[in-house]
Amino acid sequence: MSKAGASLATCYGPVSPHVMTKAENIRLLILDEDGVLSDGLIYMGNNGEELKAFNVRAGY
């Protein structure tokens, strides 16, 4: 972690020191990868395969 009292810059904007302090004790975070930052659409390929579109920021 950076200097105490300093905010953390992210692509979504700064994260306040208060939030960083609260997050220090998190040891495991499990999230579903699809649908969080996407429109939730599933496209069908020519051979019946499922194709999902993702927001490029979903991997951050």
N, C-alpha and C. Protein backbone atom coordinates (compact mmCIF):
# COMPACT_ATOMS: atom_id res chain seq x y z
N MET A 1 0.84 -1.17 0.00
CA MET A 1 0.00 0.00 0.00
C MET A 1 0.89 1.23 0.00
N SER A 2 0.38 2.31 -0.58
CA SER A 2 1.15 3.54 -0.67
C SER A 2 1.10 4.31 0.65
N LYS A 3 1.57 5.54 0.61
CA LYS A 3 1.61 6.38 1.81
C LYS A 3 0.25 6.46 2.50
N ALA A 4 0.27 6.50 3.82
CA ALA A 4 -0.99 6.61 4.57
C ALA A 4 -1.67 7.93 4.23
N GLY A 5 -2.97 7.88 4.03
CA GLY A 5 -3.73 9.07 3.72
C GLY A 5 -3.80 9.42 2.24
N ALA A 6 -3.05 8.71 1.41
CA ALA A 6 -3.06 8.99 -0.03
C ALA A 6 -4.12 8.14 -0.70
N SER A 7 -4.81 8.73 -1.69
CA SER A 7 -5.81 7.96 -2.42
C SER A 7 -5.12 7.14 -3.51
N LEU A 8 -5.77 6.08 -3.94
CA LEU A 8 -5.26 5.19 -4.97
C LEU A 8 -5.95 5.54 -6.28
N ALA A 9 -5.18 5.86 -7.33
CA ALA A 9 -5.76 6.20 -8.63
C ALA A 9 -6.07 4.92 -9.41
N THR A 10 -7.28 4.83 -9.96
CA THR A 10 -7.68 3.70 -10.81
C THR A 10 -8.30 4.25 -12.08
N CYS A 11 -8.58 3.38 -13.03
CA CYS A 11 -9.22 3.82 -14.27
C CYS A 11 -10.65 4.28 -14.03
N TYR A 12 -11.22 3.95 -12.88
CA TYR A 12 -12.59 4.37 -12.55
C TYR A 12 -12.61 5.63 -11.69
N GLY A 13 -11.46 6.12 -11.30
CA GLY A 13 -11.35 7.29 -10.43
C GLY A 13 -10.60 6.92 -9.17
N PRO A 14 -10.34 7.88 -8.30
CA PRO A 14 -9.56 7.61 -7.09
C PRO A 14 -10.35 6.80 -6.05
N VAL A 15 -9.63 5.96 -5.32
CA VAL A 15 -10.21 5.20 -4.21
C VAL A 15 -9.73 5.87 -2.93
N SER A 16 -10.66 6.25 -2.08
CA SER A 16 -10.32 7.01 -0.87
C SER A 16 -9.56 6.14 0.13
N PRO A 17 -8.76 6.79 0.98
CA PRO A 17 -8.04 6.05 2.03
C PRO A 17 -8.99 5.28 2.95
N HIS A 18 -10.19 5.82 3.19
CA HIS A 18 -11.17 5.13 4.04
C HIS A 18 -11.55 3.78 3.43
N VAL A 19 -11.81 3.76 2.13
CA VAL A 19 -12.17 2.51 1.45
C VAL A 19 -10.99 1.55 1.46
N MET A 20 -9.79 2.04 1.24
CA MET A 20 -8.60 1.19 1.25
C MET A 20 -8.39 0.55 2.62
N THR A 21 -8.64 1.31 3.69
CA THR A 21 -8.51 0.77 5.04
C THR A 21 -9.53 -0.34 5.27
N LYS A 22 -10.76 -0.12 4.83
CA LYS A 22 -11.81 -1.14 4.97
C LYS A 22 -11.45 -2.41 4.20
N ALA A 23 -10.80 -2.25 3.04
CA ALA A 23 -10.50 -3.39 2.17
C ALA A 23 -9.25 -4.16 2.58
N GLU A 24 -8.46 -3.64 3.51
CA GLU A 24 -7.21 -4.29 3.90
C GLU A 24 -7.39 -5.71 4.42
N ASN A 25 -8.51 -6.00 5.06
CA ASN A 25 -8.72 -7.32 5.65
C ASN A 25 -9.33 -8.34 4.71
N ILE A 26 -9.65 -7.94 3.50
CA ILE A 26 -10.21 -8.89 2.53
C ILE A 26 -9.10 -9.83 2.07
N ARG A 27 -9.32 -11.12 2.20
CA ARG A 27 -8.33 -12.12 1.81
C ARG A 27 -8.73 -12.88 0.56
N LEU A 28 -10.02 -12.96 0.27
CA LEU A 28 -10.49 -13.68 -0.90
C LEU A 28 -11.74 -13.00 -1.43
N LEU A 29 -11.78 -12.77 -2.73
CA LEU A 29 -12.93 -12.15 -3.38
C LEU A 29 -13.24 -12.97 -4.62
N ILE A 30 -14.43 -13.54 -4.67
CA ILE A 30 -14.83 -14.37 -5.81
C ILE A 30 -15.97 -13.66 -6.53
N LEU A 31 -15.79 -13.44 -7.83
CA LEU A 31 -16.79 -12.76 -8.64
C LEU A 31 -17.10 -13.58 -9.88
N ASP A 32 -18.30 -13.44 -10.36
CA ASP A 32 -18.68 -14.02 -11.64
C ASP A 32 -18.14 -13.10 -12.72
N GLU A 33 -17.49 -13.64 -13.73
CA GLU A 33 -16.83 -12.81 -14.73
C GLU A 33 -17.77 -12.19 -15.76
N ASP A 34 -18.85 -12.85 -16.11
CA ASP A 34 -19.69 -12.32 -17.18
C ASP A 34 -20.93 -11.64 -16.62
N GLY A 35 -21.38 -10.61 -17.30
CA GLY A 35 -22.58 -9.91 -16.89
C GLY A 35 -22.36 -8.77 -15.93
N VAL A 36 -21.19 -8.71 -15.31
CA VAL A 36 -20.93 -7.64 -14.35
C VAL A 36 -20.80 -6.30 -15.06
N LEU A 37 -19.97 -6.25 -16.08
CA LEU A 37 -19.78 -5.02 -16.84
C LEU A 37 -20.18 -5.20 -18.30
N SER A 38 -20.96 -6.21 -18.59
CA SER A 38 -21.39 -6.45 -19.98
C SER A 38 -22.90 -6.28 -20.09
N ASP A 39 -23.38 -6.36 -21.30
CA ASP A 39 -24.82 -6.23 -21.52
C ASP A 39 -25.56 -7.55 -21.31
N GLY A 40 -24.82 -8.62 -21.03
CA GLY A 40 -25.42 -9.91 -20.73
C GLY A 40 -25.86 -10.71 -21.94
N LEU A 41 -25.56 -10.22 -23.14
CA LEU A 41 -25.99 -10.93 -24.35
C LEU A 41 -25.11 -12.14 -24.63
N ILE A 42 -25.71 -13.19 -25.16
CA ILE A 42 -24.98 -14.37 -25.62
C ILE A 42 -25.29 -14.53 -27.09
N TYR A 43 -24.25 -14.56 -27.90
CA TYR A 43 -24.41 -14.70 -29.34
C TYR A 43 -24.21 -16.16 -29.71
N MET A 44 -24.93 -16.62 -30.71
CA MET A 44 -24.79 -18.00 -31.19
C MET A 44 -23.96 -18.00 -32.46
N GLY A 45 -22.90 -18.82 -32.48
CA GLY A 45 -22.05 -18.93 -33.66
C GLY A 45 -22.70 -19.82 -34.71
N ASN A 46 -22.06 -19.89 -35.87
CA ASN A 46 -22.58 -20.68 -36.98
C ASN A 46 -22.69 -22.17 -36.66
N ASN A 47 -21.86 -22.65 -35.75
CA ASN A 47 -21.87 -24.07 -35.39
C ASN A 47 -22.57 -24.33 -34.06
N GLY A 48 -23.36 -23.36 -33.59
CA GLY A 48 -24.11 -23.54 -32.35
C GLY A 48 -23.35 -23.19 -31.09
N GLU A 49 -22.11 -22.71 -31.22
CA GLU A 49 -21.33 -22.36 -30.03
C GLU A 49 -21.81 -21.04 -29.44
N GLU A 50 -21.67 -20.89 -28.13
CA GLU A 50 -22.06 -19.66 -27.44
C GLU A 50 -20.88 -18.70 -27.43
N LEU A 51 -21.12 -17.46 -27.81
CA LEU A 51 -20.11 -16.41 -27.80
C LEU A 51 -20.60 -15.29 -26.89
N LYS A 52 -19.75 -14.86 -25.97
CA LYS A 52 -20.14 -13.81 -25.03
C LYS A 52 -19.26 -12.59 -25.24
N ALA A 53 -19.86 -11.42 -25.21
CA ALA A 53 -19.12 -10.16 -25.32
C ALA A 53 -18.83 -9.65 -23.92
N PHE A 54 -17.63 -9.15 -23.71
CA PHE A 54 -17.23 -8.61 -22.41
C PHE A 54 -16.77 -7.17 -22.56
N ASN A 55 -16.99 -6.38 -21.54
CA ASN A 55 -16.43 -5.04 -21.49
C ASN A 55 -14.93 -5.19 -21.25
N VAL A 56 -14.12 -4.39 -21.93
CA VAL A 56 -12.67 -4.51 -21.78
C VAL A 56 -12.21 -4.21 -20.36
N ARG A 57 -13.00 -3.49 -19.57
CA ARG A 57 -12.62 -3.18 -18.19
C ARG A 57 -13.05 -4.27 -17.21
N ALA A 58 -13.73 -5.30 -17.67
CA ALA A 58 -14.20 -6.35 -16.77
C ALA A 58 -13.05 -7.13 -16.16
N GLY A 59 -11.87 -7.08 -16.74
CA GLY A 59 -10.72 -7.80 -16.22
C GLY A 59 -9.93 -7.06 -15.18
N TYR A 60 -10.29 -5.81 -14.89
CA TYR A 60 -9.53 -5.04 -13.90
C TYR A 60 -9.79 -5.54 -12.53
